[in-house]
Amino acid sequence: MCKKILLPDSNELCFYVEENPVCVYPSTSELKKRPDLKEFDAKYFSKQLALGEPQLAMRFFDIEILDSYFNNPRFDFKINDYSGSISCKYDEYYNTLVRKEDDLYIKSFGIGYDEYGKRVAVVCLRYLNNLSEEQQSYWKNREVIGKCKVLEAYYINLVEGRWYFPNSLFSLFLGEQKCLNDLSEEIFKIKLFRETFENEKRPKEFTFFFIPTTKTTTTLFTY
C-alpha cells in the first residue's frame, strides 16, 4: 500500500510504500548539476556511474586488450570457458609488482560479439570503476562502440545470478584427453599422454578469448 504524506514545513508530498519498499534515484539530467562531477573527468567509466548508469551496464572492448595483461608476468590472469579475471601480483612484502597507476583488479570479464560477429571483451561498469585514471583511459581508447552482444552464458551468471556453466569445446576436449589417459593407464599401465590439463593446469591460451597459435598446439600435444 502506498500512502501520501505532507512533509513538515513544506508543501511537497512524499510517497511512502509500506509493504514493498522501493528506491528512487535522481535522473541523469539532475546528476549533471552536481558540483563535484568534475573530479570524474579523468575517470571516464567512473563518471558514467556518477551520471546514473547501471552498475552492471556492459562495455565492450577490442579482444586484443587482454593480450597486454595475459603476456605480462606481473599480472595474474585467470580464465575459463566464458569469463575470467585480472589482478596484479604482489611480492613477499605485499607490494605490487607494477606501478601504482597500473595496479588493477577486474573481478570478472566475459566474451561477446560485435555486429560483424567479431569477438570482443566484455566488462561491466562496476569493475571498470575500480581502475586508475591511466587504466581507464587505456581501456576507453579500446572501447568498441556499436551493436554488441554478450554471450548468453556470461550474462545469465553475472546479471541474472543463475548458476549456468555449459562446457565449451575446449573443456570437452581436455576432458576427453584425461579420460583417454585414465583408460590407457588402467588397461596398459602406461599413460597415453605425458600430462593432462584439468583444473589449474589448463593452458590459458586454450580458450575462445584468444586465436589458436602454434604455441598453443605445441603446449597441448606433449607426449
C-alpha atoms as a PDB file:
ATOM      1  CA  MET A   1       0.000   0.000   0.000  1.00  0.00           C
ATOM      2  CA  CYS A   2       1.283   3.459  -0.933  1.00  0.00           C
ATOM      3  CA  LYS A   3       0.466   6.420   1.296  1.00  0.00           C
ATOM      4  CA  LYS A   4       0.794  10.141   0.605  1.00  0.00           C
ATOM      5  CA  ILE A   5       2.046  12.319   3.417  1.00  0.00           C
ATOM      6  CA  LEU A   6       2.837  16.019   3.556  1.00  0.00           C
ATOM      7  CA  LEU A   7       6.382  16.813   4.609  1.00  0.00           C
ATOM      8  CA  PRO A   8       6.687  19.050   7.693  1.00  0.00           C
ATOM      9  CA  ASP A   9       7.151  22.753   6.938  1.00  0.00           C
ATOM     10  CA  SER A  10       6.748  22.026   3.241  1.00  0.00           C
ATOM     11  CA  ASN A  11       4.118  21.834   0.563  1.00  0.00           C
ATOM     12  CA  GLU A  12       5.773  18.798  -1.020  1.00  0.00           C
ATOM     13  CA  LEU A  13       4.171  15.381  -0.999  1.00  0.00           C
ATOM     14  CA  CYS A  14       6.150  12.305  -0.002  1.00  0.00           C
ATOM     15  CA  PHE A  15       5.095   8.830  -1.082  1.00  0.00           C
ATOM     16  CA  TYR A  16       5.630   6.077   1.454  1.00  0.00           C
ATOM     17  CA  VAL A  17       5.428   2.373   0.492  1.00  0.00           C
ATOM     18  CA  GLU A  18       4.541   0.107   3.394  1.00  0.00           C
ATOM     19  CA  GLU A  19       4.742  -3.434   2.005  1.00  0.00           C
ATOM     20  CA  ASN A  20       7.313  -3.388  -0.812  1.00  0.00           C
ATOM     21  CA  PRO A  21       9.876  -0.595  -0.339  1.00  0.00           C
ATOM     22  CA  VAL A  22      11.242   1.000  -3.494  1.00  0.00           C
ATOM     23  CA  CYS A  23      14.311   3.123  -4.207  1.00  0.00           C
ATOM     24  CA  VAL A  24      14.137   6.365  -6.140  1.00  0.00           C
ATOM     25  CA  TYR A  25      17.271   7.726  -7.823  1.00  0.00           C
ATOM     26  CA  PRO A  26      17.880  11.157  -9.387  1.00  0.00           C
ATOM     27  CA  SER A  27      17.752  11.433 -13.167  1.00  0.00           C
ATOM     28  CA  THR A  28      20.830  11.871 -15.343  1.00  0.00           C
ATOM     29  CA  SER A  29      19.881  15.492 -16.062  1.00  0.00           C
ATOM     30  CA  GLU A  30      19.730  16.172 -12.325  1.00  0.00           C
ATOM     31  CA  LEU A  31      23.032  14.411 -11.655  1.00  0.00           C
ATOM     32  CA  LYS A  32      24.778  16.556 -14.255  1.00  0.00           C
ATOM     33  CA  LYS A  33      24.187  19.541 -11.973  1.00  0.00           C
ATOM     34  CA  ARG A  34      26.409  18.082  -9.259  1.00  0.00           C
ATOM     35  CA  PRO A  35      29.280  20.480  -8.455  1.00  0.00           C
ATOM     36  CA  ASP A  36      31.709  17.629  -7.725  1.00  0.00           C
ATOM     37  CA  LEU A  37      31.237  15.934 -11.094  1.00  0.00           C
ATOM     38  CA  LYS A  38      34.461  17.446 -12.458  1.00  0.00           C
ATOM     39  CA  GLU A  39      36.503  15.172 -10.238  1.00  0.00           C
ATOM     40  CA  PHE A  40      35.476  12.305 -12.523  1.00  0.00           C
ATOM     41  CA  ASP A  41      36.654  13.968 -15.761  1.00  0.00           C
ATOM     42  CA  ALA A  42      39.841  11.879 -15.828  1.00  0.00           C
ATOM     43  CA  LYS A  43      37.986   8.673 -14.974  1.00  0.00           C
ATOM     44  CA  TYR A  44      35.649   8.051 -17.895  1.00  0.00           C
ATOM     45  CA  PHE A  45      33.865   4.944 -16.597  1.00  0.00           C
ATOM     46  CA  SER A  46      33.559   6.242 -13.042  1.00  0.00           C
ATOM     47  CA  LYS A  47      31.873   9.335 -14.436  1.00  0.00           C
ATOM     48  CA  GLN A  48      29.300   7.199 -16.217  1.00  0.00           C
ATOM     49  CA  LEU A  49      28.339   5.645 -12.893  1.00  0.00           C
ATOM     50  CA  ALA A  50      28.223   9.086 -11.297  1.00  0.00           C
ATOM     51  CA  LEU A  51      25.744  10.077 -14.019  1.00  0.00           C
ATOM     52  CA  GLY A  52      23.410   7.232 -13.102  1.00  0.00           C
ATOM     53  CA  GLU A  53      24.469   4.408 -15.426  1.00  0.00           C
ATOM     54  CA  PRO A  54      23.617   0.925 -14.037  1.00  0.00           C
ATOM     55  CA  GLN A  55      26.363  -0.856 -12.101  1.00  0.00           C
ATOM     56  CA  LEU A  56      26.075  -3.910 -14.360  1.00  0.00           C
ATOM     57  CA  ALA A  57      25.908  -1.981 -17.635  1.00  0.00           C
ATOM     58  CA  MET A  58      28.180  -3.757 -20.124  1.00  0.00           C
ATOM     59  CA  ARG A  59      31.018  -2.130 -22.044  1.00  0.00           C
ATOM     60  CA  PHE A  60      32.757  -3.787 -24.978  1.00  0.00           C
ATOM     61  CA  PHE A  61      36.425  -3.706 -25.983  1.00  0.00           C
ATOM     62  CA  ASP A  62      38.796  -5.000 -28.634  1.00  0.00           C
ATOM     63  CA  ILE A  63      39.653  -8.552 -27.640  1.00  0.00           C
ATOM     64  CA  GLU A  64      43.351  -7.738 -28.113  1.00  0.00           C
ATOM     65  CA  ILE A  65      43.290  -5.599 -24.956  1.00  0.00           C
ATOM     66  CA  LEU A  66      43.541  -8.792 -22.920  1.00  0.00           C
ATOM     67  CA  ASP A  67      46.907  -9.680 -24.501  1.00  0.00           C
ATOM     68  CA  SER A  68      48.744  -6.929 -22.634  1.00  0.00           C
ATOM     69  CA  TYR A  69      47.759  -8.493 -19.310  1.00  0.00           C
ATOM     70  CA  PHE A  70      47.953 -12.119 -20.408  1.00  0.00           C
ATOM     71  CA  ASN A  71      51.547 -11.761 -21.639  1.00  0.00           C
ATOM     72  CA  ASN A  72      52.702  -9.712 -18.647  1.00  0.00           C
ATOM     73  CA  PRO A  73      54.052 -11.945 -15.833  1.00  0.00           C
ATOM     74  CA  ARG A  74      53.296  -9.215 -13.290  1.00  0.00           C
ATOM     75  CA  PHE A  75      49.559  -9.843 -13.685  1.00  0.00           C
ATOM     76  CA  ASP A  76      47.524 -12.806 -12.522  1.00  0.00           C
ATOM     77  CA  PHE A  77      45.348 -13.680 -15.498  1.00  0.00           C
ATOM     78  CA  LYS A  78      42.692 -16.318 -14.761  1.00  0.00           C
ATOM     79  CA  ILE A  79      40.327 -17.612 -17.385  1.00  0.00           C
ATOM     80  CA  ASN A  80      37.761 -20.332 -18.020  1.00  0.00           C
ATOM     81  CA  ASP A  81      35.369 -21.076 -20.867  1.00  0.00           C
ATOM     82  CA  TYR A  82      33.440 -17.804 -20.972  1.00  0.00           C
ATOM     83  CA  SER A  83      34.852 -15.500 -18.306  1.00  0.00           C
ATOM     84  CA  GLY A  84      37.978 -14.544 -16.417  1.00  0.00           C
ATOM     85  CA  SER A  85      39.606 -12.104 -14.018  1.00  0.00           C
ATOM     86  CA  ILE A  86      42.731  -9.936 -13.945  1.00  0.00           C
ATOM     87  CA  SER A  87      44.716  -8.690 -10.970  1.00  0.00           C
ATOM     88  CA  CYS A  88      48.274  -7.565 -10.361  1.00  0.00           C
ATOM     89  CA  LYS A  89      50.702  -9.779  -8.444  1.00  0.00           C
ATOM     90  CA  TYR A  90      52.436  -8.930  -5.170  1.00  0.00           C
ATOM     91  CA  ASP A  91      55.882  -9.635  -3.803  1.00  0.00           C
ATOM     92  CA  GLU A  92      56.661 -11.270  -0.452  1.00  0.00           C
ATOM     93  CA  TYR A  93      56.130  -7.910   1.287  1.00  0.00           C
ATOM     94  CA  TYR A  94      52.690  -7.448  -0.319  1.00  0.00           C
ATOM     95  CA  ASN A  95      53.903  -4.706  -2.601  1.00  0.00           C
ATOM     96  CA  THR A  96      52.516  -4.665  -6.118  1.00  0.00           C
ATOM     97  CA  LEU A  97      54.861  -5.654  -8.930  1.00  0.00           C
ATOM     98  CA  VAL A  98      53.528  -2.836 -11.103  1.00  0.00           C
ATOM     99  CA  ARG A  99      53.355   0.922 -10.773  1.00  0.00           C
ATOM    100  CA  LYS A 100      50.562   2.352  -8.663  1.00  0.00           C
ATOM    101  CA  GLU A 101      48.981   3.700 -11.863  1.00  0.00           C
ATOM    102  CA  ASP A 102      48.907   0.192 -13.351  1.00  0.00           C
ATOM    103  CA  ASP A 103      47.517  -1.539 -10.283  1.00  0.00           C
ATOM    104  CA  LEU A 104      44.167  -3.035 -11.151  1.00  0.00           C
ATOM    105  CA  TYR A 105      41.642  -5.683 -10.260  1.00  0.00           C
ATOM    106  CA  ILE A 106      38.959  -6.695 -12.713  1.00  0.00           C
ATOM    107  CA  LYS A 107      36.860  -9.231 -10.852  1.00  0.00           C
ATOM    108  CA  SER A 108      35.121 -10.504 -13.955  1.00  0.00           C
ATOM    109  CA  PHE A 109      35.247 -10.080 -17.707  1.00  0.00           C
ATOM    110  CA  GLY A 110      33.413 -12.029 -20.353  1.00  0.00           C
ATOM    111  CA  ILE A 111      33.143 -12.535 -24.061  1.00  0.00           C
ATOM    112  CA  GLY A 112      30.761 -11.046 -26.601  1.00  0.00           C
ATOM    113  CA  TYR A 113      30.419 -10.295 -30.298  1.00  0.00           C
ATOM    114  CA  ASP A 114      30.112  -7.113 -32.298  1.00  0.00           C
ATOM    115  CA  GLU A 115      27.625  -6.588 -35.115  1.00  0.00           C
ATOM    116  CA  TYR A 116      30.015  -8.292 -37.564  1.00  0.00           C
ATOM    117  CA  GLY A 117      30.472 -11.412 -35.449  1.00  0.00           C
ATOM    118  CA  LYS A 118      33.946 -10.458 -34.223  1.00  0.00           C
ATOM    119  CA  ARG A 119      34.785 -11.440 -30.656  1.00  0.00           C
ATOM    120  CA  VAL A 120      35.024  -8.642 -28.097  1.00  0.00           C
ATOM    121  CA  ALA A 121      35.857  -8.485 -24.397  1.00  0.00           C
ATOM    122  CA  VAL A 122      33.016  -7.529 -22.042  1.00  0.00           C
ATOM    123  CA  VAL A 123      33.363  -5.767 -18.677  1.00  0.00           C
ATOM    124  CA  CYS A 124      30.613  -4.194 -16.588  1.00  0.00           C
ATOM    125  CA  LEU A 125      30.959  -0.647 -15.264  1.00  0.00           C
ATOM    126  CA  ARG A 126      31.243  -1.610 -11.611  1.00  0.00           C
ATOM    127  CA  TYR A 127      34.585  -3.317 -12.301  1.00  0.00           C
ATOM    128  CA  LEU A 128      35.870  -0.625 -14.666  1.00  0.00           C
ATOM    129  CA  ASN A 129      35.179   1.898 -11.930  1.00  0.00           C
ATOM    130  CA  ASN A 130      37.990   0.358  -9.855  1.00  0.00           C
ATOM    131  CA  LEU A 131      40.649   1.160 -12.454  1.00  0.00           C
ATOM    132  CA  SER A 132      43.096   4.045 -12.085  1.00  0.00           C
ATOM    133  CA  GLU A 133      42.871   7.130 -14.296  1.00  0.00           C
ATOM    134  CA  GLU A 134      45.570   5.769 -16.619  1.00  0.00           C
ATOM    135  CA  GLN A 135      43.954   2.370 -16.851  1.00  0.00           C
ATOM    136  CA  GLN A 136      40.517   3.824 -17.534  1.00  0.00           C
ATOM    137  CA  SER A 137      41.986   5.923 -20.333  1.00  0.00           C
ATOM    138  CA  TYR A 138      43.741   2.833 -21.716  1.00  0.00           C
ATOM    139  CA  TRP A 139      40.503   0.846 -21.787  1.00  0.00           C
ATOM    140  CA  LYS A 140      38.485   3.793 -23.126  1.00  0.00           C
ATOM    141  CA  ASN A 141      40.766   4.019 -26.177  1.00  0.00           C
ATOM    142  CA  ARG A 142      39.963   0.393 -26.983  1.00  0.00           C
ATOM    143  CA  GLU A 143      36.237   0.526 -26.416  1.00  0.00           C
ATOM    144  CA  VAL A 144      34.025  -0.848 -29.183  1.00  0.00           C
ATOM    145  CA  ILE A 145      31.020   1.350 -29.926  1.00  0.00           C
ATOM    146  CA  GLY A 146      28.160  -0.293 -31.769  1.00  0.00           C
ATOM    147  CA  LYS A 147      25.627  -3.085 -31.562  1.00  0.00           C
ATOM    148  CA  CYS A 148      27.456  -5.664 -29.476  1.00  0.00           C
ATOM    149  CA  LYS A 149      26.019  -8.687 -27.702  1.00  0.00           C
ATOM    150  CA  VAL A 150      27.091 -10.531 -24.563  1.00  0.00           C
ATOM    151  CA  LEU A 151      27.483 -14.297 -24.654  1.00  0.00           C
ATOM    152  CA  GLU A 152      24.372 -15.797 -23.076  1.00  0.00           C
ATOM    153  CA  ALA A 153      26.252 -17.977 -20.568  1.00  0.00           C
ATOM    154  CA  TYR A 154      28.138 -14.969 -19.189  1.00  0.00           C
ATOM    155  CA  TYR A 155      25.048 -12.771 -18.995  1.00  0.00           C
ATOM    156  CA  ILE A 156      22.993 -15.410 -17.166  1.00  0.00           C
ATOM    157  CA  ASN A 157      25.650 -15.841 -14.492  1.00  0.00           C
ATOM    158  CA  LEU A 158      26.656 -12.207 -13.974  1.00  0.00           C
ATOM    159  CA  VAL A 159      23.379 -10.325 -14.423  1.00  0.00           C
ATOM    160  CA  GLU A 160      20.652 -12.862 -13.697  1.00  0.00           C
ATOM    161  CA  GLY A 161      22.632 -14.534 -10.918  1.00  0.00           C
ATOM    162  CA  ARG A 162      21.851 -18.077 -12.053  1.00  0.00           C
ATOM    163  CA  TRP A 163      24.478 -20.833 -11.942  1.00  0.00           C
ATOM    164  CA  TYR A 164      24.866 -21.795 -15.567  1.00  0.00           C
ATOM    165  CA  PHE A 165      28.177 -23.253 -16.734  1.00  0.00           C
ATOM    166  CA  PRO A 166      27.873 -25.048 -20.093  1.00  0.00           C
ATOM    167  CA  ASN A 167      31.062 -26.749 -21.208  1.00  0.00           C
ATOM    168  CA  SER A 168      32.827 -25.389 -24.263  1.00  0.00           C
ATOM    169  CA  LEU A 169      34.588 -27.459 -26.899  1.00  0.00           C
ATOM    170  CA  PHE A 170      37.836 -26.685 -25.111  1.00  0.00           C
ATOM    171  CA  SER A 171      36.642 -28.167 -21.819  1.00  0.00           C
ATOM    172  CA  LEU A 172      35.172 -31.200 -23.561  1.00  0.00           C
ATOM    173  CA  PHE A 173      38.409 -31.811 -25.447  1.00  0.00           C
ATOM    174  CA  LEU A 174      40.506 -31.626 -22.280  1.00  0.00           C
ATOM    175  CA  GLY A 175      38.041 -33.919 -20.508  1.00  0.00           C
ATOM    176  CA  GLU A 176      38.278 -36.494 -23.287  1.00  0.00           C
ATOM    177  CA  GLN A 177      42.057 -36.326 -23.156  1.00  0.00           C
ATOM    178  CA  LYS A 178      42.040 -37.101 -19.429  1.00  0.00           C
ATOM    179  CA  CYS A 179      39.588 -39.985 -19.936  1.00  0.00           C
ATOM    180  CA  LEU A 180      41.858 -41.500 -22.598  1.00  0.00           C
ATOM    181  CA  ASN A 181      44.827 -41.127 -20.311  1.00  0.00           C
ATOM    182  CA  ASP A 182      42.995 -42.774 -17.396  1.00  0.00           C
ATOM    183  CA  LEU A 183      41.837 -45.689 -19.580  1.00  0.00           C
ATOM    184  CA  SER A 184      45.298 -46.225 -21.015  1.00  0.00           C
ATOM    185  CA  GLU A 185      46.854 -46.285 -17.561  1.00  0.00           C
ATOM    186  CA  GLU A 186      44.168 -48.631 -16.226  1.00  0.00           C
ATOM    187  CA  ILE A 187      44.407 -51.115 -19.113  1.00  0.00           C
ATOM    188  CA  PHE A 188      48.038 -50.927 -20.212  1.00  0.00           C
ATOM    189  CA  LYS A 189      49.669 -49.461 -17.084  1.00  0.00           C
ATOM    190  CA  ILE A 190      51.089 -46.647 -19.177  1.00  0.00           C
ATOM    191  CA  LYS A 191      49.861 -43.138 -19.898  1.00  0.00           C
ATOM    192  CA  LEU A 192      48.976 -42.198 -23.436  1.00  0.00           C
ATOM    193  CA  PHE A 193      49.813 -38.560 -22.703  1.00  0.00           C
ATOM    194  CA  ARG A 194      52.648 -37.360 -20.530  1.00  0.00           C
ATOM    195  CA  GLU A 195      50.386 -34.725 -18.979  1.00  0.00           C
ATOM    196  CA  THR A 196      46.720 -33.755 -18.811  1.00  0.00           C
ATOM    197  CA  PHE A 197      45.399 -30.239 -18.328  1.00  0.00           C
ATOM    198  CA  GLU A 198      42.466 -30.264 -15.936  1.00  0.00           C
ATOM    199  CA  ASN A 199      41.706 -27.558 -13.363  1.00  0.00           C
ATOM    200  CA  GLU A 200      44.592 -25.123 -12.759  1.00  0.00           C
ATOM    201  CA  LYS A 201      46.849 -26.767 -15.348  1.00  0.00           C
ATOM    202  CA  ARG A 202      44.614 -25.800 -18.221  1.00  0.00           C
ATOM    203  CA  PRO A 203      46.591 -23.777 -20.842  1.00  0.00           C
ATOM    204  CA  LYS A 204      45.492 -20.162 -20.715  1.00  0.00           C
ATOM    205  CA  GLU A 205      45.628 -19.960 -24.499  1.00  0.00           C
ATOM    206  CA  PHE A 206      43.082 -22.784 -24.838  1.00  0.00           C
ATOM    207  CA  THR A 207      40.025 -20.541 -24.842  1.00  0.00           C
ATOM    208  CA  PHE A 208      37.679 -18.504 -27.006  1.00  0.00           C
ATOM    209  CA  PHE A 209      39.400 -15.312 -25.865  1.00  0.00           C
ATOM    210  CA  PHE A 210      42.491 -15.886 -27.993  1.00  0.00           C
ATOM    211  CA  ILE A 211      43.215 -17.060 -31.521  1.00  0.00           C
ATOM    212  CA  PRO A 212      44.869 -20.520 -31.509  1.00  0.00           C
ATOM    213  CA  THR A 213      48.568 -20.456 -32.392  1.00  0.00           C
ATOM    214  CA  THR A 214      51.331 -22.986 -32.946  1.00  0.00           C
ATOM    215  CA  LYS A 215      52.435 -22.267 -29.385  1.00  0.00           C
ATOM    216  CA  THR A 216      49.079 -23.482 -28.092  1.00  0.00           C
ATOM    217  CA  THR A 217      49.266 -26.680 -30.149  1.00  0.00           C
ATOM    218  CA  THR A 218      52.808 -27.414 -29.023  1.00  0.00           C
ATOM    219  CA  THR A 219      51.869 -26.915 -25.380  1.00  0.00           C
ATOM    220  CA  LEU A 220      48.833 -29.157 -25.553  1.00  0.00           C
ATOM    221  CA  PHE A 221      50.176 -32.120 -27.511  1.00  0.00           C
ATOM    222  CA  THR A 222      53.157 -33.039 -25.371  1.00  0.00           C
ATOM    223  CA  TYR A 223      53.661 -36.797 -25.358  1.00  0.00           C
END
